[in-house]
């Protein structure tokens, strides 16, 4: 297995695969984490991914584990449907790696990279949904501005949205580099010179999150996963965006509370019992050695909790 996924040793330490019987890898990708989780255990693994190309490679990479591997094409939000097909009722371990895979970033035809010429697509599953091309060329100024601000936390959201609308009035914005150049022009020269990142970083991130409904998918997944997590089962989520990390942090915190009564109630009356124990008070991040080998790991954050 040549592909080394982010935060691998930390994932193996916190998820304790050797103690698990059934593990869900909801974003299996090329099978990097899955390979090592299976290699450390006798567990069965349910792997899900929206990218059929990645799933094909995962099948090849995980071939040695035979019938212990169950791969499905689809969204991790629908994990319970795939569990039904396997006859599973509970999970002992759950992992989500919410980052875009190297396969997706390195293939221009996927449209994820602002450094390579490719069609504006950005869909994890290119067979359905609104593409980035449709969004960029058809969305109103207000919708574009809102997407860039909400999903990209881009301070120049309004200015960039205006540049996009003006540019497309002349001709359609066809490719990733077309869009990257427009965003770059929207950045004032002084600000562009001071920025450590490419000016299009947040714009591309925002469009990808919007096109794939990534934040909504994460919320829907969290809403139902605990019903399927066995006692002492562990859930680990790796995020690369502050909005994703915030959603996971707040969910873990809410489900770990012993009382849900409002602050003014002195004695608890809700009789609520916590569902989770938070194992990582602060998110686990990559060490300098890993960042040097894989710069993409710099923004990765891992949070882990255990079912009570």
C-alpha atoms as a PDB file:
ATOM      1  CA  UNK A   1       0.000   0.000   0.000  1.00  0.00           C
ATOM      2  CA  UNK A   2       1.887   3.091  -1.274  1.00  0.00           C
ATOM      3  CA  UNK A   3      -0.724   5.731  -0.405  1.00  0.00           C
ATOM      4  CA  UNK A   4      -0.236   7.051   3.141  1.00  0.00           C
ATOM      5  CA  UNK A   5      -3.352   8.837   4.441  1.00  0.00           C
ATOM      6  CA  UNK A   6      -3.293  11.815   6.799  1.00  0.00           C
ATOM      7  CA  UNK A   7      -2.949  11.365  10.561  1.00  0.00           C
ATOM      8  CA  UNK A   8      -2.604   7.600  10.084  1.00  0.00           C
ATOM      9  CA  UNK A   9      -0.885   6.710  13.360  1.00  0.00           C
ATOM     10  CA  UNK A  10      -3.248   8.945  15.311  1.00  0.00           C
ATOM     11  CA  UNK A  11      -6.284   7.302  13.700  1.00  0.00           C
ATOM     12  CA  UNK A  12      -4.964   3.816  14.509  1.00  0.00           C
ATOM     13  CA  UNK A  13      -4.216   4.807  18.104  1.00  0.00           C
ATOM     14  CA  UNK A  14      -7.577   6.412  18.851  1.00  0.00           C
ATOM     15  CA  UNK A  15      -9.897   4.068  16.942  1.00  0.00           C
ATOM     16  CA  UNK A  16      -8.307   0.906  18.412  1.00  0.00           C
ATOM     17  CA  UNK A  17      -9.132  -1.294  15.389  1.00  0.00           C
ATOM     18  CA  UNK A  18      -7.760  -4.418  17.099  1.00  0.00           C
ATOM     19  CA  UNK A  19     -10.764  -4.271  19.457  1.00  0.00           C
ATOM     20  CA  UNK A  20     -13.353  -3.786  16.686  1.00  0.00           C
ATOM     21  CA  UNK A  21     -15.524  -6.232  14.756  1.00  0.00           C
ATOM     22  CA  UNK A  22     -17.320  -3.906  12.345  1.00  0.00           C
ATOM     23  CA  UNK A  23     -15.867  -0.618  11.097  1.00  0.00           C
ATOM     24  CA  UNK A  24     -17.379   2.025   8.831  1.00  0.00           C
ATOM     25  CA  UNK A  25     -15.047   4.079   6.633  1.00  0.00           C
ATOM     26  CA  UNK A  26     -17.577   6.497   5.181  1.00  0.00           C
ATOM     27  CA  UNK A  27     -15.095   8.221   2.867  1.00  0.00           C
ATOM     28  CA  UNK A  28     -12.908   5.286   1.895  1.00  0.00           C
ATOM     29  CA  UNK A  29     -11.167   7.043  -1.021  1.00  0.00           C
ATOM     30  CA  UNK A  30      -8.195   4.986  -2.204  1.00  0.00           C
ATOM     31  CA  UNK A  31      -8.457   2.776   0.877  1.00  0.00           C
ATOM     32  CA  UNK A  32      -5.493   4.245   2.761  1.00  0.00           C
ATOM     33  CA  UNK A  33      -6.954   4.352   6.258  1.00  0.00           C
ATOM     34  CA  UNK A  34      -9.029   1.226   5.544  1.00  0.00           C
ATOM     35  CA  UNK A  35      -5.958  -0.808   4.624  1.00  0.00           C
ATOM     36  CA  UNK A  36      -4.225  -0.119   7.911  1.00  0.00           C
ATOM     37  CA  UNK A  37      -7.380  -0.491   9.998  1.00  0.00           C
ATOM     38  CA  UNK A  38      -7.890  -3.946   8.483  1.00  0.00           C
ATOM     39  CA  UNK A  39      -4.217  -4.816   8.785  1.00  0.00           C
ATOM     40  CA  UNK A  40      -4.328  -4.119  12.533  1.00  0.00           C
ATOM     41  CA  UNK A  41      -7.465  -6.140  13.158  1.00  0.00           C
ATOM     42  CA  UNK A  42      -9.718  -9.013  12.188  1.00  0.00           C
ATOM     43  CA  UNK A  43     -12.613  -6.628  11.637  1.00  0.00           C
ATOM     44  CA  UNK A  44     -14.959  -6.360   8.685  1.00  0.00           C
ATOM     45  CA  UNK A  45     -15.080  -2.976   6.987  1.00  0.00           C
ATOM     46  CA  UNK A  46     -17.870  -1.135   5.215  1.00  0.00           C
ATOM     47  CA  UNK A  47     -16.311   1.382   2.847  1.00  0.00           C
ATOM     48  CA  UNK A  48     -18.313   4.038   1.001  1.00  0.00           C
ATOM     49  CA  UNK A  49     -17.322   6.635  -1.580  1.00  0.00           C
ATOM     50  CA  UNK A  50     -19.034   8.856  -4.145  1.00  0.00           C
ATOM     51  CA  UNK A  51     -16.057   8.741  -6.511  1.00  0.00           C
ATOM     52  CA  UNK A  52     -16.243   5.612  -8.648  1.00  0.00           C
ATOM     53  CA  UNK A  53     -12.626   5.946  -9.789  1.00  0.00           C
ATOM     54  CA  UNK A  54     -11.418   6.065  -6.198  1.00  0.00           C
ATOM     55  CA  UNK A  55     -13.636   3.130  -5.281  1.00  0.00           C
ATOM     56  CA  UNK A  56     -12.156   1.044  -8.101  1.00  0.00           C
ATOM     57  CA  UNK A  57      -8.646   1.734  -6.793  1.00  0.00           C
ATOM     58  CA  UNK A  58      -9.731   0.989  -3.223  1.00  0.00           C
ATOM     59  CA  UNK A  59     -11.038  -2.402  -4.346  1.00  0.00           C
ATOM     60  CA  UNK A  60      -7.629  -3.220  -5.783  1.00  0.00           C
ATOM     61  CA  UNK A  61      -5.718  -1.862  -2.754  1.00  0.00           C
ATOM     62  CA  UNK A  62      -7.862  -3.827  -0.282  1.00  0.00           C
ATOM     63  CA  UNK A  63      -8.022  -7.048  -2.297  1.00  0.00           C
ATOM     64  CA  UNK A  64      -5.821  -8.989   0.138  1.00  0.00           C
ATOM     65  CA  UNK A  65      -8.479  -8.714   2.864  1.00  0.00           C
ATOM     66  CA  UNK A  66     -11.019 -10.645   0.806  1.00  0.00           C
ATOM     67  CA  UNK A  67     -14.525 -11.041   2.232  1.00  0.00           C
ATOM     68  CA  UNK A  68     -13.761  -8.739   5.175  1.00  0.00           C
ATOM     69  CA  UNK A  69     -14.191  -5.756   2.826  1.00  0.00           C
ATOM     70  CA  UNK A  70     -17.570  -4.446   1.639  1.00  0.00           C
ATOM     71  CA  UNK A  71     -17.393  -1.480  -0.735  1.00  0.00           C
ATOM     72  CA  UNK A  72     -20.353   0.614  -1.877  1.00  0.00           C
ATOM     73  CA  UNK A  73     -20.731   3.505  -4.294  1.00  0.00           C
ATOM     74  CA  UNK A  74     -22.732   6.297  -2.675  1.00  0.00           C
ATOM     75  CA  UNK A  75     -22.776   8.931   0.046  1.00  0.00           C
ATOM     76  CA  UNK A  76     -21.705   8.237   3.619  1.00  0.00           C
ATOM     77  CA  UNK A  77     -25.007   9.826   4.637  1.00  0.00           C
ATOM     78  CA  UNK A  78     -26.700   6.618   3.448  1.00  0.00           C
ATOM     79  CA  UNK A  79     -24.484   4.301   5.498  1.00  0.00           C
ATOM     80  CA  UNK A  80     -27.532   2.765   7.186  1.00  0.00           C
ATOM     81  CA  UNK A  81     -28.923   1.564   3.839  1.00  0.00           C
ATOM     82  CA  UNK A  82     -25.668  -0.236   3.098  1.00  0.00           C
ATOM     83  CA  UNK A  83     -25.645  -1.703   6.611  1.00  0.00           C
ATOM     84  CA  UNK A  84     -29.103  -3.124   5.903  1.00  0.00           C
ATOM     85  CA  UNK A  85     -27.760  -4.835   2.800  1.00  0.00           C
ATOM     86  CA  UNK A  86     -25.038  -6.468   4.895  1.00  0.00           C
ATOM     87  CA  UNK A  87     -27.378  -7.369   7.729  1.00  0.00           C
ATOM     88  CA  UNK A  88     -25.423  -5.198  10.181  1.00  0.00           C
ATOM     89  CA  UNK A  89     -27.217  -3.527  13.083  1.00  0.00           C
ATOM     90  CA  UNK A  90     -24.297  -1.909  14.957  1.00  0.00           C
ATOM     91  CA  UNK A  91     -20.852  -0.456  14.312  1.00  0.00           C
ATOM     92  CA  UNK A  92     -17.818  -0.660  16.608  1.00  0.00           C
ATOM     93  CA  UNK A  93     -15.775   1.983  14.828  1.00  0.00           C
ATOM     94  CA  UNK A  94     -16.494   4.882  12.480  1.00  0.00           C
ATOM     95  CA  UNK A  95     -14.114   7.036  10.448  1.00  0.00           C
ATOM     96  CA  UNK A  96     -14.760   9.983   8.155  1.00  0.00           C
ATOM     97  CA  UNK A  97     -11.932  11.720   6.299  1.00  0.00           C
ATOM     98  CA  UNK A  98     -13.612  14.815   4.877  1.00  0.00           C
ATOM     99  CA  UNK A  99     -10.692  15.978   2.780  1.00  0.00           C
ATOM    100  CA  UNK A 100     -10.470  15.911  -1.002  1.00  0.00           C
ATOM    101  CA  UNK A 101      -8.295  12.958  -2.019  1.00  0.00           C
ATOM    102  CA  UNK A 102      -4.987  13.274  -3.858  1.00  0.00           C
ATOM    103  CA  UNK A 103      -6.602  11.432  -6.756  1.00  0.00           C
ATOM    104  CA  UNK A 104      -9.228  14.150  -7.088  1.00  0.00           C
ATOM    105  CA  UNK A 105      -6.812  17.061  -6.708  1.00  0.00           C
ATOM    106  CA  UNK A 106      -4.251  15.600  -9.094  1.00  0.00           C
ATOM    107  CA  UNK A 107      -6.715  14.871 -11.906  1.00  0.00           C
ATOM    108  CA  UNK A 108      -7.520  18.084 -13.825  1.00  0.00           C
ATOM    109  CA  UNK A 109     -10.751  16.655 -15.277  1.00  0.00           C
ATOM    110  CA  UNK A 110     -12.257  16.622 -11.765  1.00  0.00           C
ATOM    111  CA  UNK A 111     -12.029  20.414 -11.633  1.00  0.00           C
ATOM    112  CA  UNK A 112     -10.929  20.674  -7.994  1.00  0.00           C
ATOM    113  CA  UNK A 113      -7.577  22.386  -8.517  1.00  0.00           C
ATOM    114  CA  UNK A 114      -6.975  26.029  -9.366  1.00  0.00           C
ATOM    115  CA  UNK A 115      -3.407  25.144 -10.391  1.00  0.00           C
ATOM    116  CA  UNK A 116      -4.339  22.855 -13.300  1.00  0.00           C
ATOM    117  CA  UNK A 117      -6.434  23.477 -16.403  1.00  0.00           C
ATOM    118  CA  UNK A 118      -9.629  21.476 -16.298  1.00  0.00           C
ATOM    119  CA  UNK A 119     -13.405  21.734 -16.640  1.00  0.00           C
ATOM    120  CA  UNK A 120     -15.272  23.478 -13.833  1.00  0.00           C
ATOM    121  CA  UNK A 121     -16.982  20.507 -12.226  1.00  0.00           C
ATOM    122  CA  UNK A 122     -15.992  19.818  -8.585  1.00  0.00           C
ATOM    123  CA  UNK A 123     -18.672  17.152  -8.060  1.00  0.00           C
ATOM    124  CA  UNK A 124     -17.560  14.091  -6.115  1.00  0.00           C
ATOM    125  CA  UNK A 125     -20.119  12.160  -8.166  1.00  0.00           C
ATOM    126  CA  UNK A 126     -20.010  13.575 -11.689  1.00  0.00           C
ATOM    127  CA  UNK A 127     -23.249  11.845 -12.681  1.00  0.00           C
ATOM    128  CA  UNK A 128     -25.607  14.032 -10.675  1.00  0.00           C
ATOM    129  CA  UNK A 129     -26.175  17.440  -9.139  1.00  0.00           C
ATOM    130  CA  UNK A 130     -25.247  21.006 -10.042  1.00  0.00           C
ATOM    131  CA  UNK A 131     -21.661  21.431 -11.232  1.00  0.00           C
ATOM    132  CA  UNK A 132     -19.403  24.350 -10.371  1.00  0.00           C
ATOM    133  CA  UNK A 133     -19.681  25.404 -14.022  1.00  0.00           C
ATOM    134  CA  UNK A 134     -23.453  25.752 -13.710  1.00  0.00           C
ATOM    135  CA  UNK A 135     -23.158  27.513 -10.366  1.00  0.00           C
ATOM    136  CA  UNK A 136     -20.531  30.015 -11.485  1.00  0.00           C
ATOM    137  CA  UNK A 137     -22.277  30.828 -14.768  1.00  0.00           C
ATOM    138  CA  UNK A 138     -25.898  30.864 -13.619  1.00  0.00           C
ATOM    139  CA  UNK A 139     -26.112  31.822  -9.938  1.00  0.00           C
ATOM    140  CA  UNK A 140     -27.127  35.344  -9.020  1.00  0.00           C
ATOM    141  CA  UNK A 141     -24.637  37.808  -7.597  1.00  0.00           C
ATOM    142  CA  UNK A 142     -26.245  37.476  -4.151  1.00  0.00           C
ATOM    143  CA  UNK A 143     -26.096  33.673  -4.190  1.00  0.00           C
ATOM    144  CA  UNK A 144     -22.445  33.654  -5.262  1.00  0.00           C
ATOM    145  CA  UNK A 145     -21.549  36.221  -2.612  1.00  0.00           C
ATOM    146  CA  UNK A 146     -23.358  34.191   0.068  1.00  0.00           C
ATOM    147  CA  UNK A 147     -21.627  30.946  -0.951  1.00  0.00           C
ATOM    148  CA  UNK A 148     -18.158  32.524  -0.907  1.00  0.00           C
ATOM    149  CA  UNK A 149     -18.803  34.158   2.462  1.00  0.00           C
ATOM    150  CA  UNK A 150     -20.595  31.256   4.156  1.00  0.00           C
ATOM    151  CA  UNK A 151     -18.573  28.295   2.878  1.00  0.00           C
ATOM    152  CA  UNK A 152     -15.241  29.955   2.148  1.00  0.00           C
ATOM    153  CA  UNK A 153     -15.205  32.612   4.869  1.00  0.00           C
ATOM    154  CA  UNK A 154     -13.829  34.817   2.102  1.00  0.00           C
ATOM    155  CA  UNK A 155     -13.611  38.480   3.223  1.00  0.00           C
ATOM    156  CA  UNK A 156     -13.693  39.646  -0.407  1.00  0.00           C
ATOM    157  CA  UNK A 157     -16.793  37.576  -1.222  1.00  0.00           C
ATOM    158  CA  UNK A 158     -18.764  40.504  -2.668  1.00  0.00           C
ATOM    159  CA  UNK A 159     -15.881  41.780  -4.782  1.00  0.00           C
ATOM    160  CA  UNK A 160     -15.091  38.324  -6.172  1.00  0.00           C
ATOM    161  CA  UNK A 161     -18.762  37.626  -6.917  1.00  0.00           C
ATOM    162  CA  UNK A 162     -18.976  40.929  -8.831  1.00  0.00           C
ATOM    163  CA  UNK A 163     -15.863  40.088 -10.870  1.00  0.00           C
ATOM    164  CA  UNK A 164     -17.345  36.668 -11.706  1.00  0.00           C
ATOM    165  CA  UNK A 165     -20.680  38.159 -12.814  1.00  0.00           C
ATOM    166  CA  UNK A 166     -18.919  40.810 -14.913  1.00  0.00           C
ATOM    167  CA  UNK A 167     -16.608  38.260 -16.528  1.00  0.00           C
ATOM    168  CA  UNK A 168     -19.385  35.830 -17.460  1.00  0.00           C
ATOM    169  CA  UNK A 169     -21.367  38.634 -19.094  1.00  0.00           C
ATOM    170  CA  UNK A 170     -18.585  38.728 -21.698  1.00  0.00           C
ATOM    171  CA  UNK A 171     -18.234  34.952 -22.118  1.00  0.00           C
ATOM    172  CA  UNK A 172     -18.865  31.734 -20.203  1.00  0.00           C
ATOM    173  CA  UNK A 173     -16.348  30.790 -17.523  1.00  0.00           C
ATOM    174  CA  UNK A 174     -15.313  27.373 -18.824  1.00  0.00           C
ATOM    175  CA  UNK A 175     -12.271  26.127 -16.917  1.00  0.00           C
ATOM    176  CA  UNK A 176     -10.611  26.080 -13.513  1.00  0.00           C
ATOM    177  CA  UNK A 177      -7.854  28.417 -14.669  1.00  0.00           C
ATOM    178  CA  UNK A 178     -10.411  30.828 -16.145  1.00  0.00           C
ATOM    179  CA  UNK A 179     -12.028  31.119 -12.723  1.00  0.00           C
ATOM    180  CA  UNK A 180      -8.694  31.253 -10.866  1.00  0.00           C
ATOM    181  CA  UNK A 181      -7.544  34.182 -13.026  1.00  0.00           C
ATOM    182  CA  UNK A 182     -10.799  36.079 -12.392  1.00  0.00           C
ATOM    183  CA  UNK A 183     -10.473  35.633  -8.630  1.00  0.00           C
ATOM    184  CA  UNK A 184      -6.831  36.677  -8.776  1.00  0.00           C
ATOM    185  CA  UNK A 185      -7.807  39.901 -10.563  1.00  0.00           C
ATOM    186  CA  UNK A 186     -10.436  40.572  -7.895  1.00  0.00           C
ATOM    187  CA  UNK A 187      -7.742  40.635  -5.205  1.00  0.00           C
ATOM    188  CA  UNK A 188      -6.126  44.074  -4.819  1.00  0.00           C
ATOM    189  CA  UNK A 189      -2.389  43.845  -5.711  1.00  0.00           C
ATOM    190  CA  UNK A 190      -1.251  44.799  -2.195  1.00  0.00           C
ATOM    191  CA  UNK A 191      -3.423  42.115  -0.613  1.00  0.00           C
ATOM    192  CA  UNK A 192      -2.347  39.564  -3.216  1.00  0.00           C
ATOM    193  CA  UNK A 193       1.311  40.232  -2.433  1.00  0.00           C
ATOM    194  CA  UNK A 194       0.831  39.671   1.308  1.00  0.00           C
ATOM    195  CA  UNK A 195      -1.247  36.496   0.994  1.00  0.00           C
ATOM    196  CA  UNK A 196       0.485  33.189   1.808  1.00  0.00           C
ATOM    197  CA  UNK A 197      -2.148  31.269  -0.150  1.00  0.00           C
ATOM    198  CA  UNK A 198      -3.325  31.514  -3.731  1.00  0.00           C
ATOM    199  CA  UNK A 199      -6.158  34.080  -3.958  1.00  0.00           C
ATOM    200  CA  UNK A 200      -8.508  31.403  -5.344  1.00  0.00           C
ATOM    201  CA  UNK A 201      -8.063  28.991  -2.423  1.00  0.00           C
ATOM    202  CA  UNK A 202     -11.151  30.002  -0.468  1.00  0.00           C
ATOM    203  CA  UNK A 203     -13.298  30.458  -3.569  1.00  0.00           C
ATOM    204  CA  UNK A 204     -12.588  26.939  -4.822  1.00  0.00           C
ATOM    205  CA  UNK A 205     -13.118  25.526  -1.338  1.00  0.00           C
ATOM    206  CA  UNK A 206     -16.461  27.312  -1.010  1.00  0.00           C
ATOM    207  CA  UNK A 207     -17.701  26.139  -4.407  1.00  0.00           C
ATOM    208  CA  UNK A 208     -16.693  22.537  -3.671  1.00  0.00           C
ATOM    209  CA  UNK A 209     -18.535  22.562  -0.334  1.00  0.00           C
ATOM    210  CA  UNK A 210     -21.627  24.061  -1.963  1.00  0.00           C
ATOM    211  CA  UNK A 211     -21.679  21.801  -5.023  1.00  0.00           C
ATOM    212  CA  UNK A 212     -21.396  18.653  -2.911  1.00  0.00           C
ATOM    213  CA  UNK A 213     -23.626  19.830  -0.020  1.00  0.00           C
ATOM    214  CA  UNK A 214     -20.782  18.777   2.255  1.00  0.00           C
ATOM    215  CA  UNK A 215     -21.810  20.616   5.419  1.00  0.00           C
ATOM    216  CA  UNK A 216     -25.432  19.472   5.181  1.00  0.00           C
ATOM    217  CA  UNK A 217     -24.265  15.895   4.570  1.00  0.00           C
ATOM    218  CA  UNK A 218     -22.077  16.021   7.659  1.00  0.00           C
ATOM    219  CA  UNK A 219     -24.963  17.285   9.807  1.00  0.00           C
ATOM    220  CA  UNK A 220     -27.331  14.595   8.487  1.00  0.00           C
ATOM    221  CA  UNK A 221     -24.730  11.901   9.129  1.00  0.00           C
ATOM    222  CA  UNK A 222     -24.108  13.020  12.704  1.00  0.00           C
ATOM    223  CA  UNK A 223     -27.843  13.205  13.404  1.00  0.00           C
ATOM    224  CA  UNK A 224     -28.230   9.452  12.926  1.00  0.00           C
ATOM    225  CA  UNK A 225     -24.832   7.802  13.472  1.00  0.00           C
ATOM    226  CA  UNK A 226     -25.117   7.391  17.258  1.00  0.00           C
ATOM    227  CA  UNK A 227     -28.143   5.113  16.860  1.00  0.00           C
ATOM    228  CA  UNK A 228     -25.857   2.668  15.064  1.00  0.00           C
ATOM    229  CA  UNK A 229     -22.733   3.008  17.214  1.00  0.00           C
ATOM    230  CA  UNK A 230     -22.344   0.197  19.756  1.00  0.00           C
ATOM    231  CA  UNK A 231     -21.417   0.949  23.404  1.00  0.00           C
ATOM    232  CA  UNK A 232     -17.671   1.712  23.591  1.00  0.00           C
ATOM    233  CA  UNK A 233     -17.711   2.156  19.823  1.00  0.00           C
ATOM    234  CA  UNK A 234     -15.525   5.029  18.663  1.00  0.00           C
ATOM    235  CA  UNK A 235     -16.086   7.682  16.033  1.00  0.00           C
ATOM    236  CA  UNK A 236     -13.244   9.674  14.494  1.00  0.00           C
ATOM    237  CA  UNK A 237     -13.706  12.541  12.048  1.00  0.00           C
ATOM    238  CA  UNK A 238     -10.910  14.269  10.132  1.00  0.00           C
ATOM    239  CA  UNK A 239     -11.820  17.715   8.822  1.00  0.00           C
ATOM    240  CA  UNK A 240      -9.867  20.236   6.759  1.00  0.00           C
ATOM    241  CA  UNK A 241     -12.154  23.222   7.034  1.00  0.00           C
ATOM    242  CA  UNK A 242     -12.985  25.298  10.109  1.00  0.00           C
ATOM    243  CA  UNK A 243     -16.723  25.035   9.402  1.00  0.00           C
ATOM    244  CA  UNK A 244     -16.581  21.227   9.314  1.00  0.00           C
ATOM    245  CA  UNK A 245     -14.491  21.094  12.464  1.00  0.00           C
ATOM    246  CA  UNK A 246     -16.918  23.437  14.222  1.00  0.00           C
ATOM    247  CA  UNK A 247     -19.878  21.191  13.362  1.00  0.00           C
ATOM    248  CA  UNK A 248     -18.087  18.110  14.722  1.00  0.00           C
ATOM    249  CA  UNK A 249     -16.884  19.930  17.845  1.00  0.00           C
ATOM    250  CA  UNK A 250     -20.363  21.226  18.716  1.00  0.00           C
ATOM    251  CA  UNK A 251     -22.010  17.862  18.019  1.00  0.00           C
ATOM    252  CA  UNK A 252     -19.590  15.986  20.282  1.00  0.00           C
ATOM    253  CA  UNK A 253     -19.977  18.638  22.979  1.00  0.00           C
ATOM    254  CA  UNK A 254     -23.801  18.540  22.879  1.00  0.00           C
ATOM    255  CA  UNK A 255     -23.972  14.750  22.954  1.00  0.00           C
ATOM    256  CA  UNK A 256     -21.475  14.580  25.833  1.00  0.00           C
ATOM    257  CA  UNK A 257     -23.580  16.830  28.085  1.00  0.00           C
ATOM    258  CA  UNK A 258     -25.082  15.315  31.229  1.00  0.00           C
ATOM    259  CA  UNK A 259     -27.770  17.994  31.457  1.00  0.00           C
ATOM    260  CA  UNK A 260     -29.683  19.937  28.813  1.00  0.00           C
ATOM    261  CA  UNK A 261     -31.581  22.222  31.191  1.00  0.00           C
ATOM    262  CA  UNK A 262     -31.265  25.984  30.604  1.00  0.00           C
ATOM    263  CA  UNK A 263     -28.701  27.833  32.772  1.00  0.00           C
ATOM    264  CA  UNK A 264     -31.354  29.357  35.038  1.00  0.00           C
ATOM    265  CA  UNK A 265     -32.477  25.896  36.235  1.00  0.00           C
ATOM    266  CA  UNK A 266     -30.409  25.237  39.376  1.00  0.00           C
ATOM    267  CA  UNK A 267     -31.297  21.552  39.830  1.00  0.00           C
ATOM    268  CA  UNK A 268     -31.395  19.321  36.744  1.00  0.00           C
ATOM    269  CA  UNK A 269     -34.921  18.368  35.684  1.00  0.00           C
ATOM    270  CA  UNK A 270     -34.285  16.882  32.231  1.00  0.00           C
ATOM    271  CA  UNK A 271     -32.898  13.536  33.414  1.00  0.00           C
ATOM    272  CA  UNK A 272     -30.746  13.508  30.305  1.00  0.00           C
ATOM    273  CA  UNK A 273     -27.865  11.056  30.048  1.00  0.00           C
ATOM    274  CA  UNK A 274     -24.744  11.783  27.986  1.00  0.00           C
ATOM    275  CA  UNK A 275     -24.356   9.678  24.858  1.00  0.00           C
ATOM    276  CA  UNK A 276     -20.701  10.347  24.125  1.00  0.00           C
ATOM    277  CA  UNK A 277     -17.412  10.671  25.932  1.00  0.00           C
ATOM    278  CA  UNK A 278     -15.043  13.071  24.178  1.00  0.00           C
ATOM    279  CA  UNK A 279     -11.591  11.485  23.925  1.00  0.00           C
ATOM    280  CA  UNK A 280      -9.765  14.369  22.244  1.00  0.00           C
ATOM    281  CA  UNK A 281     -10.397  17.609  24.153  1.00  0.00           C
ATOM    282  CA  UNK A 282      -8.476  19.453  21.450  1.00  0.00           C
ATOM    283  CA  UNK A 283      -8.278  18.345  17.828  1.00  0.00           C
ATOM    284  CA  UNK A 284      -5.321  16.143  16.893  1.00  0.00           C
ATOM    285  CA  UNK A 285      -3.157  17.738  14.198  1.00  0.00           C
ATOM    286  CA  UNK A 286      -0.265  16.589  12.042  1.00  0.00           C
ATOM    287  CA  UNK A 287       3.287  16.727  13.371  1.00  0.00           C
ATOM    288  CA  UNK A 288       6.024  18.609  11.525  1.00  0.00           C
ATOM    289  CA  UNK A 289       7.462  15.384  10.091  1.00  0.00           C
ATOM    290  CA  UNK A 290       4.166  14.466   8.427  1.00  0.00           C
ATOM    291  CA  UNK A 291       3.598  18.002   7.154  1.00  0.00           C
ATOM    292  CA  UNK A 292       7.046  17.960   5.533  1.00  0.00           C
ATOM    293  CA  UNK A 293       6.183  14.713   3.716  1.00  0.00           C
ATOM    294  CA  UNK A 294       2.588  15.692   2.942  1.00  0.00           C
ATOM    295  CA  UNK A 295       1.868  19.456   3.017  1.00  0.00           C
ATOM    296  CA  UNK A 296      -1.868  18.747   2.569  1.00  0.00           C
ATOM    297  CA  UNK A 297      -1.938  17.354   6.109  1.00  0.00           C
ATOM    298  CA  UNK A 298      -1.238  20.816   7.554  1.00  0.00           C
ATOM    299  CA  UNK A 299      -4.905  21.716   7.933  1.00  0.00           C
ATOM    300  CA  UNK A 300      -6.149  18.264   9.017  1.00  0.00           C
ATOM    301  CA  UNK A 301      -7.898  18.014  12.401  1.00  0.00           C
ATOM    302  CA  UNK A 302      -8.988  14.762  14.037  1.00  0.00           C
ATOM    303  CA  UNK A 303     -11.644  14.595  16.761  1.00  0.00           C
ATOM    304  CA  UNK A 304     -12.598  11.308  18.442  1.00  0.00           C
ATOM    305  CA  UNK A 305     -15.426  10.330  20.804  1.00  0.00           C
ATOM    306  CA  UNK A 306     -16.658   7.087  22.385  1.00  0.00           C
ATOM    307  CA  UNK A 307     -20.250   5.866  22.679  1.00  0.00           C
ATOM    308  CA  UNK A 308     -21.450   5.479  26.261  1.00  0.00           C
END
